[in-house]
Amino acid sequence: MKPIKTARRRSLPVIVGVLAAAVLPASVLAATSGPNPPTTPPAASHPPAGASGPLPRSWVASAGKDSNPCTRQAPCATFQRAFTQTSTGGQIDVVDSSLYSPVTITRAVTIKAVGVLAGIRPQNAQDGITIDCTDPTCRVVIDGLDLYGSANSTSTVDGIDILSAGAVRIQHSRLAQFPDAGIRFGPNNPECVLVVQDTTVSDNFPATVSDTNSGSTTPPSNNPPWGLLVTPAGADSSSNPLYTVTVRRSSFDDNSTGIGVFADTSQAVTVNVSHSEVADSYGYGIFTAGLGGAVVRLNANDITDNGVGVGIAASNTAGDHIDSFGNNNISGNLVDGNLNQTLSLRSRP
């Protein structure tokens, strides 16, 4: 049995033992190919997911019917049907609180729930939201949705799985209890951008581990689930960053690993985390593994009560960084970890 969270105080010999355990063989940490491959999105049961409908704004409701035209007066029952009825760049709105079925997004669209509790709970091998938009100008916004995993889900199921897009924004949402990742950012197209703000990603932890336990220093390179998993599939010889992730005012609590970043030299990933909380992770708060392509910058965050606060795989090259602006609270972890460098804060002119 692992110690419960509330038992934070430990004797000096125990702390020394944990610190020694943190220095793991490079062979253990050398796996940089990332975790399980993404889930293949299921085929839509209605008109093709790529079909663009005539409505700039469509609606779903708990009492809706997919035989309806998806207007406010005659809403649909599912996001997937509403998506086929919505024009590219349009918006899907939620009429009332309910549990809705998963959706696959292949065009620019906004899904928005305001003043209601709109939930998505996938079953079996289906992700909650799959974004597979090959148009480099595609912009997808997920606003105000609650996504929850299921005990019946397979180990590869994610809350939101981003396979390709130009830019994705996830805001005012909650994702919890997924066996692979709350948010999986694994695009195969270059210059893809993800923004996560005002969002909670929590309780994504192994089924065999209680969320009241903490303190593992086992490297999470192949040990999901993650709160946010950044693992791009594309590659390019350009020296410019191909993938950018920005996290603002968000919370990553009670996950196996709060934020995991996997990238090699050809993938050039930059992850900026600011004014957020990464806490109570069973393993690592923030973990980076790759071949020189991952840079994580931390600004005004609380990284506390994790097994290890921040960590970089021992086999990584010098190109991988976890940097701080010197204003982060990294404390109360079994092992706080080490930052590569402290960056200077610059005021605007």
Protein backbone atom coordinates (compact mmCIF):
# COMPACT_ATOMS: atom_id res chain seq x y z
CA MET A 1 0.00 0.00 0.00
CA LYS A 2 1.25 3.47 -0.89
CA PRO A 3 0.96 6.27 1.69
CA ILE A 4 -2.19 8.32 1.50
CA LYS A 5 -2.08 12.00 0.53
CA THR A 6 -2.78 13.26 3.98
CA ALA A 7 0.40 11.66 5.32
CA ARG A 8 2.77 14.26 3.89
CA ARG A 9 5.40 14.26 6.62
CA ARG A 10 8.10 11.69 6.24
CA SER A 11 11.29 10.87 8.11
CA LEU A 12 14.66 11.87 6.70
CA PRO A 13 15.63 8.28 5.69
CA VAL A 14 12.43 7.92 3.66
CA ILE A 15 13.04 11.23 1.88
CA VAL A 16 16.62 10.26 1.11
CA GLY A 17 15.39 6.95 -0.26
CA VAL A 18 12.89 8.62 -2.54
CA LEU A 19 15.51 11.07 -3.80
CA ALA A 20 17.77 8.17 -4.65
CA ALA A 21 14.96 6.41 -6.45
CA ALA A 22 14.42 9.50 -8.61
CA VAL A 23 17.80 8.93 -10.27
CA LEU A 24 16.65 6.19 -12.60
CA PRO A 25 18.64 4.34 -15.27
CA ALA A 26 18.61 5.98 -18.67
CA SER A 27 17.35 2.73 -20.19
CA VAL A 28 14.16 3.04 -18.18
CA LEU A 29 13.57 6.57 -19.39
CA ALA A 30 14.79 6.16 -22.94
CA ALA A 31 11.41 5.41 -24.51
CA THR A 32 10.62 8.64 -26.36
CA SER A 33 8.12 7.37 -28.88
CA GLY A 34 5.33 8.32 -26.52
CA PRO A 35 2.35 6.39 -25.29
CA ASN A 36 -0.37 4.37 -26.96
CA PRO A 37 -1.36 5.37 -30.52
CA PRO A 38 -4.48 7.53 -30.85
CA THR A 39 -7.89 5.97 -31.05
CA THR A 40 -9.28 5.64 -34.58
CA PRO A 41 -12.40 7.84 -34.77
CA PRO A 42 -15.62 5.93 -35.42
CA ALA A 43 -17.69 6.45 -38.53
CA ALA A 44 -20.68 8.77 -38.17
CA SER A 45 -24.07 7.08 -38.14
CA HIS A 46 -25.71 9.98 -39.99
CA PRO A 47 -24.54 11.98 -43.05
CA PRO A 48 -20.75 12.05 -43.48
CA ALA A 49 -18.98 13.98 -40.73
CA GLY A 50 -17.34 16.23 -43.32
CA ALA A 51 -20.59 17.31 -44.89
CA SER A 52 -21.26 21.02 -44.35
CA GLY A 53 -24.87 21.96 -43.62
CA PRO A 54 -26.66 25.24 -44.32
CA LEU A 55 -26.93 26.57 -40.75
CA PRO A 56 -24.42 29.08 -39.33
CA ARG A 57 -25.88 28.17 -35.93
CA SER A 58 -27.43 24.83 -34.92
CA TRP A 59 -28.86 23.45 -31.68
CA VAL A 60 -29.00 20.22 -29.66
CA ALA A 61 -31.38 19.43 -26.80
CA SER A 62 -32.18 16.57 -24.42
CA ALA A 63 -35.57 16.14 -26.08
CA GLY A 64 -34.27 16.80 -29.60
CA LYS A 65 -34.51 14.43 -32.55
CA ASP A 66 -31.90 13.80 -35.21
CA SER A 67 -34.68 13.86 -37.79
CA ASN A 68 -35.12 17.56 -36.95
CA PRO A 69 -33.36 20.34 -38.92
CA CYS A 70 -31.31 21.32 -35.79
CA THR A 71 -32.81 24.81 -35.50
CA ARG A 72 -33.61 26.44 -32.15
CA GLN A 73 -37.27 25.55 -32.60
CA ALA A 74 -36.52 21.97 -33.72
CA PRO A 75 -33.18 20.93 -32.20
CA CYS A 76 -31.26 17.73 -32.85
CA ALA A 77 -30.43 15.07 -30.28
CA THR A 78 -26.68 14.65 -30.96
CA PHE A 79 -23.66 16.81 -31.64
CA GLN A 80 -22.76 14.60 -34.60
CA ARG A 81 -26.06 15.27 -36.38
CA ALA A 82 -25.86 18.98 -35.55
CA PHE A 83 -22.33 19.09 -36.94
CA THR A 84 -23.49 17.83 -40.33
CA GLN A 85 -26.16 20.55 -40.36
CA THR A 86 -23.75 23.36 -39.44
CA SER A 87 -21.81 25.36 -42.00
CA THR A 88 -18.02 25.50 -41.81
CA GLY A 89 -17.01 28.00 -39.14
CA GLY A 90 -20.48 27.89 -37.59
CA GLN A 91 -21.56 27.19 -34.02
CA ILE A 92 -23.42 24.39 -32.23
CA ASP A 93 -25.31 25.53 -29.10
CA VAL A 94 -26.79 23.47 -26.28
CA VAL A 95 -30.39 24.15 -25.24
CA ASP A 96 -30.49 22.35 -21.88
CA SER A 97 -28.55 20.15 -19.49
CA SER A 98 -28.11 16.55 -20.57
CA LEU A 99 -25.60 13.81 -21.32
CA TYR A 100 -24.83 13.88 -25.05
CA SER A 101 -23.08 11.35 -27.26
CA PRO A 102 -19.50 11.73 -28.62
CA VAL A 103 -18.68 13.68 -31.79
CA THR A 104 -16.03 13.61 -34.52
CA ILE A 105 -15.10 17.06 -35.89
CA THR A 106 -13.60 17.40 -39.39
CA ARG A 107 -14.28 21.08 -40.14
CA ALA A 108 -13.98 24.42 -38.37
CA VAL A 109 -16.73 24.73 -35.75
CA THR A 110 -17.51 25.97 -32.24
CA ILE A 111 -19.41 23.82 -29.74
CA LYS A 112 -20.68 26.00 -26.91
CA ALA A 113 -22.69 25.36 -23.74
CA VAL A 114 -23.64 28.41 -21.65
CA GLY A 115 -25.64 28.18 -18.43
CA VAL A 116 -26.25 24.44 -18.81
CA LEU A 117 -24.47 21.21 -17.85
CA ALA A 118 -23.68 19.59 -21.17
CA GLY A 119 -21.80 16.35 -20.66
CA ILE A 120 -20.24 13.75 -22.94
CA ARG A 121 -19.48 10.21 -21.72
CA PRO A 122 -17.97 7.88 -24.33
CA GLN A 123 -18.36 4.13 -24.15
CA ASN A 124 -15.97 1.32 -25.07
CA ALA A 125 -13.25 2.49 -27.52
CA GLN A 126 -14.72 5.84 -28.57
CA ASP A 127 -13.15 9.17 -27.54
CA GLY A 128 -15.37 11.92 -26.21
CA ILE A 129 -14.44 14.42 -28.94
CA THR A 130 -12.21 13.54 -31.89
CA ILE A 131 -10.78 16.44 -33.91
CA ASP A 132 -9.46 15.35 -37.31
CA CYS A 133 -9.46 18.47 -39.49
CA THR A 134 -6.89 18.36 -42.30
CA ASP A 135 -7.48 21.95 -43.45
CA PRO A 136 -4.56 23.99 -42.00
CA THR A 137 -6.91 26.97 -41.53
CA CYS A 138 -9.34 24.88 -39.46
CA ARG A 139 -10.24 26.45 -36.10
CA VAL A 140 -12.13 24.42 -33.49
CA VAL A 141 -13.46 25.79 -30.19
CA ILE A 142 -14.80 23.63 -27.34
CA ASP A 143 -16.47 25.88 -24.76
CA GLY A 144 -18.25 24.85 -21.58
CA LEU A 145 -18.46 21.06 -21.98
CA ASP A 146 -18.01 18.38 -19.30
CA LEU A 147 -16.43 15.13 -20.50
CA TYR A 148 -16.28 12.05 -18.28
CA GLY A 149 -14.63 8.72 -18.84
CA SER A 150 -16.21 5.36 -18.13
CA ALA A 151 -15.15 2.19 -16.36
CA ASN A 152 -16.19 0.38 -19.54
CA SER A 153 -13.75 2.35 -21.70
CA THR A 154 -10.67 0.75 -23.24
CA SER A 155 -7.21 1.95 -22.23
CA THR A 156 -6.79 4.20 -25.31
CA VAL A 157 -9.86 6.38 -24.74
CA ASP A 158 -9.31 10.15 -24.39
CA GLY A 159 -11.59 12.99 -23.45
CA ILE A 160 -10.51 15.12 -26.43
CA ASP A 161 -8.22 13.57 -29.05
CA ILE A 162 -6.64 16.07 -31.49
CA LEU A 163 -5.37 14.27 -34.59
CA SER A 164 -5.08 17.25 -36.94
CA ALA A 165 -6.20 20.89 -37.02
CA GLY A 166 -4.96 24.42 -37.54
CA ALA A 167 -5.82 25.57 -34.02
CA VAL A 168 -7.91 24.19 -31.16
CA ARG A 169 -9.18 26.15 -28.15
CA ILE A 170 -10.59 24.36 -25.09
CA GLN A 171 -12.09 26.66 -22.46
CA HIS A 172 -14.45 26.65 -19.47
CA SER A 173 -14.60 22.85 -19.63
CA ARG A 174 -13.93 19.86 -17.41
CA LEU A 175 -12.41 16.48 -18.32
CA ALA A 176 -12.12 13.61 -15.88
CA GLN A 177 -11.65 9.86 -15.42
CA PHE A 178 -10.19 8.92 -18.80
CA PRO A 179 -7.88 5.87 -19.04
CA ASP A 180 -5.42 7.44 -21.54
CA ALA A 181 -5.62 11.26 -21.33
CA GLY A 182 -8.06 13.99 -20.55
CA ILE A 183 -6.67 15.94 -23.53
CA ARG A 184 -4.42 14.25 -26.07
CA PHE A 185 -2.63 16.65 -28.47
CA GLY A 186 -1.11 14.40 -31.14
CA PRO A 187 -1.50 16.21 -34.48
CA ASN A 188 0.18 14.96 -37.63
CA ASN A 189 0.15 18.33 -39.39
CA PRO A 190 2.73 21.10 -38.83
CA GLU A 191 2.14 24.46 -37.15
CA CYS A 192 -0.77 23.17 -35.07
CA VAL A 193 -1.73 25.24 -32.01
CA LEU A 194 -3.60 24.26 -28.84
CA VAL A 195 -4.91 26.66 -26.19
CA VAL A 196 -6.36 25.37 -22.91
CA GLN A 197 -7.74 28.01 -20.57
CA ASP A 198 -10.05 28.16 -17.54
CA THR A 199 -10.37 24.36 -17.69
CA THR A 200 -10.12 21.56 -15.11
CA VAL A 201 -8.53 18.21 -16.01
CA SER A 202 -8.67 15.83 -13.06
CA ASP A 203 -8.97 12.29 -11.76
CA ASN A 204 -7.31 10.61 -14.73
CA PHE A 205 -5.47 7.92 -12.77
CA PRO A 206 -4.85 4.16 -13.07
CA ALA A 207 -7.79 1.96 -12.19
CA THR A 208 -5.65 0.05 -9.69
CA VAL A 209 -4.61 3.21 -7.82
CA SER A 210 -6.86 5.19 -5.53
CA ASP A 211 -6.89 8.95 -6.08
CA THR A 212 -6.24 9.29 -2.37
CA ASN A 213 -2.74 7.86 -2.86
CA SER A 214 0.33 9.72 -4.06
CA GLY A 215 4.06 9.46 -4.01
CA SER A 216 5.23 7.33 -6.94
CA THR A 217 8.50 8.29 -8.61
CA THR A 218 7.99 5.79 -11.44
CA PRO A 219 8.67 7.49 -14.80
CA PRO A 220 5.40 7.96 -16.70
CA SER A 221 6.81 7.59 -20.23
CA ASN A 222 4.54 4.62 -20.88
CA ASN A 223 2.29 4.87 -17.85
CA PRO A 224 -0.95 6.76 -18.56
CA PRO A 225 -3.23 8.39 -17.86
CA TRP A 226 -2.25 11.99 -18.32
CA GLY A 227 -4.18 15.16 -17.69
CA LEU A 228 -2.70 16.75 -20.82
CA LEU A 229 -0.58 14.63 -23.16
CA VAL A 230 1.44 16.42 -25.88
CA THR A 231 2.74 13.85 -28.36
CA PRO A 232 2.78 15.14 -31.96
CA ALA A 233 2.88 12.62 -34.77
CA GLY A 234 4.15 14.89 -37.55
CA ALA A 235 7.74 15.86 -38.32
CA ASP A 236 9.50 18.60 -40.26
CA SER A 237 13.04 19.76 -40.87
CA SER A 238 12.17 23.40 -40.12
CA SER A 239 13.98 25.04 -37.21
CA ASN A 240 10.82 26.93 -36.25
CA PRO A 241 8.51 25.46 -33.60
CA LEU A 242 5.96 23.25 -35.27
CA TYR A 243 3.61 22.81 -32.34
CA THR A 244 2.64 25.32 -29.68
CA VAL A 245 0.56 24.61 -26.56
CA THR A 246 -0.60 27.38 -24.22
CA VAL A 247 -2.21 26.60 -20.86
CA ARG A 248 -3.72 29.46 -18.84
CA ARG A 249 -5.64 29.56 -15.56
CA SER A 250 -6.28 25.83 -15.59
CA SER A 251 -6.13 23.02 -13.05
CA PHE A 252 -4.57 19.55 -13.40
CA ASP A 253 -5.35 17.62 -10.22
CA ASP A 254 -5.30 13.94 -9.23
CA ASN A 255 -3.92 12.59 -12.50
CA SER A 256 -1.32 9.90 -12.91
CA THR A 257 0.78 12.58 -14.65
CA GLY A 258 -0.45 16.17 -14.83
CA ILE A 259 1.22 17.27 -18.09
CA GLY A 260 3.37 14.99 -20.25
CA VAL A 261 5.36 16.22 -23.29
CA PHE A 262 6.99 13.85 -25.81
CA ALA A 263 8.86 15.27 -28.80
CA ASP A 264 11.95 14.59 -30.89
CA THR A 265 14.18 17.12 -32.64
CA SER A 266 12.06 17.31 -35.79
CA GLN A 267 8.90 18.10 -33.82
CA ALA A 268 9.93 21.27 -31.94
CA VAL A 269 7.22 21.55 -29.30
CA THR A 270 6.81 24.62 -27.09
CA VAL A 271 4.47 24.34 -24.09
CA ASN A 272 3.73 27.50 -22.08
CA VAL A 273 1.96 26.99 -18.74
CA SER A 274 0.91 30.06 -16.74
CA HIS A 275 -1.23 30.86 -13.69
CA SER A 276 -2.26 27.21 -13.38
CA GLU A 277 -2.22 24.43 -10.78
CA VAL A 278 -0.61 21.02 -11.21
CA ALA A 279 -1.17 19.07 -8.02
CA ASP A 280 -1.68 15.66 -6.42
CA SER A 281 -0.33 13.71 -9.40
CA TYR A 282 0.31 10.09 -8.53
CA GLY A 283 3.58 10.25 -10.49
CA TYR A 284 4.91 13.44 -12.08
CA GLY A 285 3.37 16.89 -12.12
CA ILE A 286 5.11 17.83 -15.38
CA PHE A 287 7.27 15.38 -17.33
CA THR A 288 9.22 15.82 -20.57
CA ALA A 289 10.78 13.11 -22.72
CA GLY A 290 12.23 13.38 -26.19
CA LEU A 291 15.27 13.91 -28.35
CA GLY A 292 15.75 17.62 -28.00
CA GLY A 293 12.43 18.89 -29.33
CA ALA A 294 10.52 19.80 -26.16
CA VAL A 295 10.58 23.13 -24.32
CA VAL A 296 8.27 23.80 -21.36
CA ARG A 297 8.08 27.31 -19.83
CA LEU A 298 6.46 27.87 -16.44
CA ASN A 299 5.07 31.21 -15.24
CA ALA A 300 3.26 31.81 -11.92
CA ASN A 301 2.10 28.22 -11.35
CA ASP A 302 1.51 26.08 -8.26
CA ILE A 303 3.13 22.64 -8.67
CA THR A 304 2.56 20.89 -5.37
CA ASP A 305 1.94 17.54 -3.68
CA ASN A 306 2.98 15.40 -6.65
CA GLY A 307 5.19 12.34 -6.60
CA VAL A 308 7.77 14.41 -8.54
CA GLY A 309 7.09 18.08 -9.27
CA VAL A 310 8.96 18.44 -12.56
CA GLY A 311 11.14 15.92 -14.37
CA ILE A 312 13.02 15.34 -17.62
CA ALA A 313 13.97 11.89 -18.91
CA ALA A 314 17.61 11.13 -18.15
CA SER A 315 18.25 10.07 -21.75
CA ASN A 316 17.12 13.38 -23.24
CA THR A 317 19.43 15.68 -25.13
CA ALA A 318 20.29 19.21 -24.09
CA GLY A 319 17.54 20.58 -26.33
CA ASP A 320 14.82 19.57 -23.88
CA HIS A 321 14.02 22.18 -21.24
CA ILE A 322 11.70 22.87 -18.35
CA ASP A 323 12.31 26.55 -17.60
CA SER A 324 10.85 28.85 -14.96
CA PHE A 325 10.36 32.59 -14.79
CA GLY A 326 11.27 32.35 -11.11
CA ASN A 327 7.76 32.96 -9.82
CA ASN A 328 6.47 29.38 -9.55
CA ASN A 329 5.62 27.57 -6.33
CA ILE A 330 7.21 24.12 -6.68
CA SER A 331 6.99 22.61 -3.22
CA GLY A 332 5.49 19.87 -1.10
CA ASN A 333 6.27 17.16 -3.68
CA LEU A 334 8.04 13.99 -2.62
CA VAL A 335 10.75 15.15 -5.04
CA ASP A 336 10.47 18.70 -6.33
CA GLY A 337 12.74 18.04 -9.31
CA ASN A 338 15.12 20.34 -11.13
CA LEU A 339 14.52 23.14 -13.61
CA ASN A 340 16.96 23.76 -16.46
CA GLN A 341 17.13 27.52 -16.07
CA THR A 342 15.40 30.56 -14.66
CA LEU A 343 14.17 33.06 -17.24
CA SER A 344 13.88 36.79 -16.64
CA LEU A 345 10.50 38.49 -16.51
CA ARG A 346 10.31 41.39 -18.94
CA SER A 347 7.88 44.25 -18.51
CA ARG A 348 6.09 45.66 -21.50
CA PRO A 349 7.61 48.86 -22.93
